[in-house]
Amino acid sequence: NLKHAYATGLRNTKGERHARVKLTEQDVREIRSLYSVQKISIERIAKRYGVASGTIHNITSGRNWGWLK
């Protein structure tokens, strides 16, 4: 049943649809801009958004939210 739900789009835990997500797609775009364009440190960005620095690192490296451009 789970395979069918994912295949048909009934269950999608990608991005904002995940039950435990703290960041929105807009937040992720802003984080990438803050890091790459404005050269703000990962630690400062993490503090601003209330998440771990590892989360920010994974976002900026494309490991998390990699499908979102």
Protein backbone atom coordinates (compact mmCIF):
# COMPACT_ATOMS: atom_id res chain seq x y z
CA ASN A 1 0.00 0.00 0.00
CA LEU A 2 2.81 2.41 0.80
CA LYS A 3 4.51 1.81 -2.55
CA HIS A 4 1.22 2.54 -4.29
CA ALA A 5 0.69 5.71 -2.23
CA TYR A 6 4.13 7.07 -3.14
CA ALA A 7 3.79 6.04 -6.78
CA THR A 8 0.45 7.79 -7.18
CA GLY A 9 1.39 10.88 -5.17
CA LEU A 10 -1.04 10.21 -2.36
CA ARG A 11 1.84 10.17 0.09
CA ASN A 12 4.57 12.68 -0.51
CA THR A 13 6.97 13.59 2.26
CA LYS A 14 9.16 15.83 0.17
CA GLY A 15 9.79 19.39 1.35
CA GLU A 16 7.05 21.23 3.21
CA ARG A 17 4.72 18.24 3.09
CA HIS A 18 6.86 16.33 5.59
CA ALA A 19 5.26 16.22 9.04
CA ARG A 20 8.36 17.35 10.95
CA VAL A 21 9.69 20.02 8.61
CA LYS A 22 10.83 23.30 10.19
CA LEU A 23 11.75 25.19 7.03
CA THR A 24 9.68 26.26 4.06
CA GLU A 25 10.78 26.25 0.44
CA GLN A 26 11.19 30.02 0.67
CA ASP A 27 13.43 29.60 3.73
CA VAL A 28 15.64 27.16 1.82
CA ARG A 29 16.00 29.58 -1.10
CA GLU A 30 16.89 32.37 1.33
CA ILE A 31 19.42 30.16 3.14
CA ARG A 32 21.17 29.32 -0.11
CA SER A 33 21.28 33.00 -1.04
CA LEU A 34 22.58 34.04 2.37
CA TYR A 35 25.35 31.47 2.14
CA SER A 36 26.41 31.76 -1.49
CA VAL A 37 25.73 35.40 -2.33
CA GLN A 38 26.02 37.24 0.98
CA LYS A 39 28.70 34.88 2.39
CA ILE A 40 27.05 34.58 5.82
CA SER A 41 28.44 31.71 7.90
CA ILE A 42 26.58 28.45 8.33
CA GLU A 43 26.52 28.96 12.10
CA ARG A 44 24.87 32.38 11.85
CA ILE A 45 22.29 31.13 9.38
CA ALA A 46 21.52 28.13 11.63
CA LYS A 47 20.98 30.40 14.60
CA ARG A 48 18.72 32.71 12.58
CA TYR A 49 16.47 29.84 11.50
CA GLY A 50 16.64 27.83 14.73
CA VAL A 51 18.11 24.68 13.20
CA ALA A 52 21.40 22.80 13.55
CA SER A 53 24.42 23.93 11.56
CA GLY A 54 24.52 20.45 10.00
CA THR A 55 21.07 21.09 8.56
CA ILE A 56 22.28 24.29 6.92
CA HIS A 57 25.37 22.52 5.60
CA ASN A 58 23.20 19.79 4.08
CA ILE A 59 20.96 22.40 2.45
CA THR A 60 23.84 24.41 0.98
CA SER A 61 25.59 21.29 -0.31
CA GLY A 62 22.41 19.95 -1.92
CA ARG A 63 22.11 16.87 0.28
CA ASN A 64 18.82 18.12 1.71
CA TRP A 65 16.29 19.92 -0.47
CA GLY A 66 18.47 19.13 -3.48
CA TRP A 67 15.48 18.92 -5.80
CA LEU A 68 14.61 22.55 -5.02
CA LYS A 69 16.53 24.95 -7.24
